[in-house]
Amino acid sequence: KLYLSHPVWKRRITVLIGTPLRLADLNRARAQTAIACFLHTTRNETDPETADQHTIMSAWAIRDYAPQCKLYVQILRPKNKIFLENADHVVCEGELKNALLAASSHCPGISALVTLL
């Protein structure tokens, strides 16, 4: 919401609620002409595996519908990265947590700094 209120980003970002698994939502999002699509894993799901499966299916649907669109995907489990070889960038929450923990052993306080950003 903060980005949408900023004058620079207000005209450049469009946030839509829907699912890429429905053709009507892909058309509404104009995915064929989009430069990039960002897929975030839902936090409401009790099972991280199910959340990742839905995100992976969404990424596949967007790649099939709009092959030129850059895909930025966030997942929860590192073992699911293998299914996202067609994505341009994948961020895995589990790997990010481990990297931050490792960095905090070399630089005490880095986790607090990143958390407060």
N, C-alpha and C. Protein backbone atom coordinates (compact mmCIF):
# COMPACT_ATOMS: atom_id res chain seq x y z
N LYS A 1 0.82 -1.20 0.00
CA LYS A 1 0.00 0.00 0.00
C LYS A 1 0.86 1.25 0.00
N LEU A 2 2.03 1.14 0.62
CA LEU A 2 2.93 2.28 0.67
C LEU A 2 3.40 2.67 -0.73
N TYR A 3 3.72 1.66 -1.55
CA TYR A 3 4.17 1.94 -2.91
C TYR A 3 3.06 2.58 -3.74
N LEU A 4 1.84 2.15 -3.54
CA LEU A 4 0.73 2.66 -4.34
C LEU A 4 0.40 4.10 -4.02
N SER A 5 0.75 4.56 -2.83
CA SER A 5 0.48 5.95 -2.47
C SER A 5 1.60 6.90 -2.91
N HIS A 6 2.76 6.36 -3.25
CA HIS A 6 3.89 7.19 -3.67
C HIS A 6 3.66 7.65 -5.11
N PRO A 7 3.85 8.94 -5.40
CA PRO A 7 3.56 9.47 -6.74
C PRO A 7 4.37 8.83 -7.87
N VAL A 8 5.60 8.42 -7.59
CA VAL A 8 6.43 7.81 -8.63
C VAL A 8 5.89 6.45 -9.04
N TRP A 9 5.45 5.66 -8.07
CA TRP A 9 5.02 4.30 -8.35
C TRP A 9 3.52 4.18 -8.62
N LYS A 10 2.78 5.21 -8.32
CA LYS A 10 1.32 5.15 -8.43
C LYS A 10 0.85 4.76 -9.83
N ARG A 11 1.51 5.25 -10.85
CA ARG A 11 1.12 4.97 -12.22
C ARG A 11 1.85 3.77 -12.83
N ARG A 12 2.79 3.21 -12.11
CA ARG A 12 3.60 2.11 -12.66
C ARG A 12 3.24 0.74 -12.10
N ILE A 13 2.57 0.70 -10.96
CA ILE A 13 2.26 -0.57 -10.31
C ILE A 13 0.75 -0.77 -10.29
N THR A 14 0.34 -1.98 -10.64
CA THR A 14 -1.06 -2.36 -10.55
C THR A 14 -1.14 -3.62 -9.71
N VAL A 15 -1.95 -3.58 -8.69
CA VAL A 15 -2.15 -4.74 -7.82
C VAL A 15 -3.53 -5.29 -8.10
N LEU A 16 -3.57 -6.56 -8.48
CA LEU A 16 -4.84 -7.23 -8.75
C LEU A 16 -4.97 -8.43 -7.84
N ILE A 17 -6.18 -8.67 -7.40
CA ILE A 17 -6.44 -9.86 -6.60
C ILE A 17 -7.18 -10.85 -7.48
N GLY A 18 -6.65 -12.04 -7.57
CA GLY A 18 -7.23 -13.07 -8.42
C GLY A 18 -6.27 -14.25 -8.46
N THR A 19 -6.44 -15.09 -9.44
CA THR A 19 -5.55 -16.23 -9.59
C THR A 19 -5.13 -16.38 -11.05
N PRO A 20 -3.87 -16.61 -11.30
CA PRO A 20 -3.41 -16.83 -12.66
C PRO A 20 -3.90 -18.14 -13.25
N LEU A 21 -4.56 -18.94 -12.45
CA LEU A 21 -5.08 -20.20 -12.94
C LEU A 21 -6.40 -20.01 -13.69
N ARG A 22 -6.94 -18.80 -13.65
CA ARG A 22 -8.16 -18.48 -14.41
C ARG A 22 -7.79 -17.59 -15.58
N LEU A 23 -8.21 -17.97 -16.76
CA LEU A 23 -7.92 -17.21 -17.97
C LEU A 23 -8.48 -15.80 -17.89
N ALA A 24 -9.64 -15.64 -17.30
CA ALA A 24 -10.25 -14.31 -17.17
C ALA A 24 -9.37 -13.37 -16.35
N ASP A 25 -8.76 -13.89 -15.29
CA ASP A 25 -7.88 -13.06 -14.46
C ASP A 25 -6.58 -12.71 -15.19
N LEU A 26 -6.06 -13.63 -15.97
CA LEU A 26 -4.86 -13.33 -16.78
C LEU A 26 -5.16 -12.26 -17.81
N ASN A 27 -6.33 -12.32 -18.42
CA ASN A 27 -6.73 -11.29 -19.39
C ASN A 27 -6.92 -9.95 -18.69
N ARG A 28 -7.55 -9.96 -17.52
CA ARG A 28 -7.79 -8.72 -16.77
C ARG A 28 -6.46 -8.08 -16.36
N ALA A 29 -5.48 -8.92 -16.05
CA ALA A 29 -4.16 -8.41 -15.65
C ALA A 29 -3.31 -8.00 -16.85
N ARG A 30 -3.79 -8.30 -18.05
CA ARG A 30 -3.04 -8.03 -19.28
C ARG A 30 -1.63 -8.63 -19.21
N ALA A 31 -1.58 -9.89 -18.82
CA ALA A 31 -0.30 -10.59 -18.63
C ALA A 31 0.49 -10.70 -19.92
N GLN A 32 -0.18 -10.75 -21.07
CA GLN A 32 0.55 -10.88 -22.34
C GLN A 32 1.39 -9.65 -22.65
N THR A 33 1.03 -8.50 -22.10
CA THR A 33 1.79 -7.28 -22.35
C THR A 33 2.58 -6.83 -21.13
N ALA A 34 2.52 -7.59 -20.05
CA ALA A 34 3.22 -7.22 -18.81
C ALA A 34 4.72 -7.42 -18.97
N ILE A 35 5.48 -6.56 -18.34
CA ILE A 35 6.93 -6.69 -18.33
C ILE A 35 7.36 -7.72 -17.29
N ALA A 36 6.69 -7.72 -16.14
CA ALA A 36 7.05 -8.63 -15.06
C ALA A 36 5.82 -8.98 -14.23
N CYS A 37 5.87 -10.15 -13.61
CA CYS A 37 4.84 -10.61 -12.68
C CYS A 37 5.52 -11.06 -11.39
N PHE A 38 4.98 -10.63 -10.27
CA PHE A 38 5.50 -11.00 -8.96
C PHE A 38 4.49 -11.92 -8.29
N LEU A 39 4.94 -13.09 -7.92
CA LEU A 39 4.08 -14.07 -7.25
C LEU A 39 4.57 -14.25 -5.82
N HIS A 40 3.68 -13.97 -4.89
CA HIS A 40 4.00 -14.12 -3.47
C HIS A 40 3.21 -15.29 -2.91
N THR A 41 3.85 -16.09 -2.10
CA THR A 41 3.19 -17.22 -1.47
C THR A 41 2.26 -16.71 -0.38
N THR A 42 1.09 -17.31 -0.30
CA THR A 42 0.12 -16.89 0.70
C THR A 42 0.58 -17.27 2.10
N ARG A 43 0.35 -16.41 3.04
CA ARG A 43 0.73 -16.67 4.43
C ARG A 43 -0.44 -17.28 5.22
N ASN A 44 -1.62 -17.30 4.64
CA ASN A 44 -2.79 -17.81 5.34
C ASN A 44 -2.88 -19.33 5.32
N GLU A 45 -2.14 -19.96 4.45
CA GLU A 45 -2.18 -21.41 4.31
C GLU A 45 -1.48 -22.07 5.50
N THR A 46 -2.11 -23.08 6.09
CA THR A 46 -1.51 -23.75 7.24
C THR A 46 -0.38 -24.68 6.83
N ASP A 47 -0.43 -25.21 5.62
CA ASP A 47 0.59 -26.12 5.13
C ASP A 47 1.48 -25.41 4.12
N PRO A 48 2.75 -25.23 4.43
CA PRO A 48 3.66 -24.54 3.50
C PRO A 48 3.79 -25.25 2.15
N GLU A 49 3.69 -26.57 2.18
CA GLU A 49 3.80 -27.34 0.94
C GLU A 49 2.65 -27.02 -0.02
N THR A 50 1.45 -26.91 0.52
CA THR A 50 0.28 -26.56 -0.29
C THR A 50 0.41 -25.15 -0.85
N ALA A 51 0.91 -24.24 -0.04
CA ALA A 51 1.10 -22.86 -0.49
C ALA A 51 2.10 -22.81 -1.64
N ASP A 52 3.20 -23.55 -1.52
CA ASP A 52 4.19 -23.60 -2.59
C ASP A 52 3.62 -24.24 -3.86
N GLN A 53 2.82 -25.28 -3.70
CA GLN A 53 2.23 -25.93 -4.87
C GLN A 53 1.35 -24.96 -5.65
N HIS A 54 0.56 -24.17 -4.94
CA HIS A 54 -0.29 -23.19 -5.61
C HIS A 54 0.55 -22.12 -6.33
N THR A 55 1.62 -21.69 -5.69
CA THR A 55 2.50 -20.69 -6.30
C THR A 55 3.19 -21.25 -7.54
N ILE A 56 3.62 -22.50 -7.47
CA ILE A 56 4.28 -23.15 -8.61
C ILE A 56 3.31 -23.29 -9.77
N MET A 57 2.09 -23.72 -9.50
CA MET A 57 1.09 -23.84 -10.56
C MET A 57 0.78 -22.48 -11.19
N SER A 58 0.74 -21.45 -10.38
CA SER A 58 0.50 -20.10 -10.89
C SER A 58 1.65 -19.65 -11.79
N ALA A 59 2.88 -19.94 -11.38
CA ALA A 59 4.04 -19.58 -12.20
C ALA A 59 4.01 -20.30 -13.54
N TRP A 60 3.66 -21.57 -13.52
CA TRP A 60 3.56 -22.33 -14.78
C TRP A 60 2.47 -21.75 -15.68
N ALA A 61 1.33 -21.37 -15.09
CA ALA A 61 0.23 -20.82 -15.88
C ALA A 61 0.64 -19.49 -16.53
N ILE A 62 1.32 -18.65 -15.80
CA ILE A 62 1.76 -17.36 -16.36
C ILE A 62 2.80 -17.60 -17.45
N ARG A 63 3.72 -18.53 -17.23
CA ARG A 63 4.76 -18.81 -18.23
C ARG A 63 4.15 -19.34 -19.53
N ASP A 64 3.12 -20.18 -19.42
CA ASP A 64 2.44 -20.69 -20.61
C ASP A 64 1.66 -19.60 -21.34
N TYR A 65 1.04 -18.71 -20.57
CA TYR A 65 0.20 -17.67 -21.15
C TYR A 65 1.03 -16.51 -21.71
N ALA A 66 2.08 -16.14 -21.00
CA ALA A 66 2.91 -15.00 -21.40
C ALA A 66 4.39 -15.35 -21.24
N PRO A 67 4.96 -16.05 -22.21
CA PRO A 67 6.35 -16.51 -22.07
C PRO A 67 7.39 -15.38 -21.97
N GLN A 68 7.06 -14.19 -22.46
CA GLN A 68 8.02 -13.08 -22.43
C GLN A 68 8.03 -12.36 -21.08
N CYS A 69 7.05 -12.59 -20.25
CA CYS A 69 6.92 -11.91 -18.96
C CYS A 69 7.95 -12.44 -17.96
N LYS A 70 8.68 -11.54 -17.32
CA LYS A 70 9.65 -11.96 -16.31
C LYS A 70 8.90 -12.39 -15.05
N LEU A 71 9.30 -13.52 -14.50
CA LEU A 71 8.65 -14.07 -13.32
C LEU A 71 9.54 -13.93 -12.09
N TYR A 72 9.02 -13.27 -11.08
CA TYR A 72 9.68 -13.15 -9.79
C TYR A 72 8.80 -13.91 -8.80
N VAL A 73 9.33 -14.99 -8.25
CA VAL A 73 8.50 -15.90 -7.45
C VAL A 73 9.09 -16.05 -6.05
N GLN A 74 8.20 -16.03 -5.05
CA GLN A 74 8.59 -16.27 -3.67
C GLN A 74 7.95 -17.57 -3.22
N ILE A 75 8.75 -18.48 -2.68
CA ILE A 75 8.24 -19.74 -2.13
C ILE A 75 8.76 -19.91 -0.71
N LEU A 76 8.26 -20.92 -0.04
CA LEU A 76 8.63 -21.14 1.36
C LEU A 76 9.69 -22.22 1.54
N ARG A 77 9.60 -23.29 0.78
CA ARG A 77 10.49 -24.45 0.96
C ARG A 77 11.57 -24.50 -0.11
N PRO A 78 12.84 -24.67 0.29
CA PRO A 78 13.93 -24.74 -0.69
C PRO A 78 13.82 -25.91 -1.65
N LYS A 79 13.24 -27.02 -1.21
CA LYS A 79 13.17 -28.20 -2.07
C LYS A 79 12.25 -27.99 -3.27
N ASN A 80 11.41 -26.98 -3.24
CA ASN A 80 10.48 -26.72 -4.34
C ASN A 80 11.07 -25.83 -5.44
N LYS A 81 12.29 -25.35 -5.24
CA LYS A 81 12.92 -24.50 -6.27
C LYS A 81 13.13 -25.24 -7.58
N ILE A 82 13.28 -26.54 -7.51
CA ILE A 82 13.52 -27.34 -8.72
C ILE A 82 12.36 -27.23 -9.71
N PHE A 83 11.16 -26.97 -9.21
CA PHE A 83 9.98 -26.87 -10.07
C PHE A 83 9.84 -25.49 -10.71
N LEU A 84 10.72 -24.57 -10.34
CA LEU A 84 10.63 -23.20 -10.86
C LEU A 84 11.83 -22.83 -11.71
N GLU A 85 12.32 -23.78 -12.47
CA GLU A 85 13.46 -23.50 -13.35
C GLU A 85 13.10 -22.51 -14.44
N ASN A 86 11.82 -22.39 -14.76
CA ASN A 86 11.39 -21.46 -15.81
C ASN A 86 11.20 -20.04 -15.29
N ALA A 87 11.28 -19.83 -13.98
CA ALA A 87 11.15 -18.49 -13.42
C ALA A 87 12.48 -17.74 -13.55
N ASP A 88 12.38 -16.42 -13.69
CA ASP A 88 13.59 -15.61 -13.83
C ASP A 88 14.32 -15.43 -12.49
N HIS A 89 13.54 -15.21 -11.44
CA HIS A 89 14.13 -15.04 -10.10
C HIS A 89 13.24 -15.75 -9.09
N VAL A 90 13.87 -16.51 -8.20
CA VAL A 90 13.14 -17.23 -7.15
C VAL A 90 13.75 -16.86 -5.81
N VAL A 91 12.90 -16.45 -4.88
CA VAL A 91 13.33 -16.17 -3.51
C VAL A 91 12.67 -17.20 -2.61
N CYS A 92 13.50 -17.91 -1.89
CA CYS A 92 13.00 -18.94 -0.99
C CYS A 92 13.14 -18.43 0.45
N GLU A 93 12.02 -18.38 1.15
CA GLU A 93 12.03 -17.85 2.50
C GLU A 93 12.92 -18.66 3.42
N GLY A 94 12.92 -19.97 3.28
CA GLY A 94 13.77 -20.83 4.11
C GLY A 94 15.25 -20.55 3.90
N GLU A 95 15.67 -20.40 2.66
CA GLU A 95 17.07 -20.09 2.38
C GLU A 95 17.45 -18.69 2.86
N LEU A 96 16.51 -17.77 2.75
CA LEU A 96 16.77 -16.41 3.20
C LEU A 96 16.99 -16.37 4.71
N LYS A 97 16.18 -17.13 5.44
CA LYS A 97 16.35 -17.20 6.90
C LYS A 97 17.71 -17.80 7.25
N ASN A 98 18.10 -18.88 6.57
CA ASN A 98 19.38 -19.52 6.86
C ASN A 98 20.55 -18.60 6.51
N ALA A 99 20.45 -17.88 5.41
CA ALA A 99 21.52 -16.96 5.02
C ALA A 99 21.65 -15.82 6.03
N LEU A 100 20.52 -15.35 6.52
CA LEU A 100 20.55 -14.28 7.52
C LEU A 100 21.16 -14.78 8.83
N LEU A 101 20.85 -16.00 9.20
CA LEU A 101 21.42 -16.60 10.41
C LEU A 101 22.93 -16.75 10.26
N ALA A 102 23.38 -17.20 9.09
CA ALA A 102 24.82 -17.35 8.85
C ALA A 102 25.52 -16.00 8.85
N ALA A 103 24.88 -15.00 8.27
CA ALA A 103 25.48 -13.66 8.23
C ALA A 103 25.58 -13.06 9.64
N SER A 104 24.63 -13.40 10.50
CA SER A 104 24.67 -12.85 11.85
C SER A 104 25.82 -13.43 12.68
N SER A 105 26.35 -14.58 12.29
CA SER A 105 27.51 -15.11 13.01
C SER A 105 28.77 -14.32 12.68
N HIS A 106 28.83 -13.75 11.48
CA HIS A 106 29.99 -12.94 11.08
C HIS A 106 29.80 -11.48 11.45
N CYS A 107 28.57 -11.04 11.47
CA CYS A 107 28.28 -9.63 11.73
C CYS A 107 27.12 -9.55 12.73
N PRO A 108 27.42 -9.55 14.01
CA PRO A 108 26.36 -9.51 15.01
C PRO A 108 25.48 -8.26 14.82
N GLY A 109 24.18 -8.47 14.90
CA GLY A 109 23.24 -7.36 14.76
C GLY A 109 22.66 -7.22 13.37
N ILE A 110 23.17 -7.98 12.40
CA ILE A 110 22.66 -7.86 11.01
C ILE A 110 21.21 -8.30 10.92
N SER A 111 20.83 -9.32 11.69
CA SER A 111 19.44 -9.78 11.63
C SER A 111 18.50 -8.71 12.18
N ALA A 112 18.91 -8.01 13.23
CA ALA A 112 18.09 -6.93 13.77
C ALA A 112 17.98 -5.79 12.75
N LEU A 113 19.08 -5.49 12.08
CA LEU A 113 19.07 -4.44 11.06
C LEU A 113 18.12 -4.76 9.93
N VAL A 114 18.19 -5.97 9.41
CA VAL A 114 17.34 -6.38 8.31
C VAL A 114 15.88 -6.43 8.75
N THR A 115 15.63 -6.90 9.96
CA THR A 115 14.27 -6.99 10.46
C THR A 115 13.64 -5.60 10.61
N LEU A 116 14.42 -4.63 10.97
CA LEU A 116 13.89 -3.27 11.18
C LEU A 116 13.76 -2.46 9.89
N LEU A 117 14.24 -3.00 8.77
CA LEU A 117 14.14 -2.26 7.50
C LEU A 117 12.73 -2.15 7.03
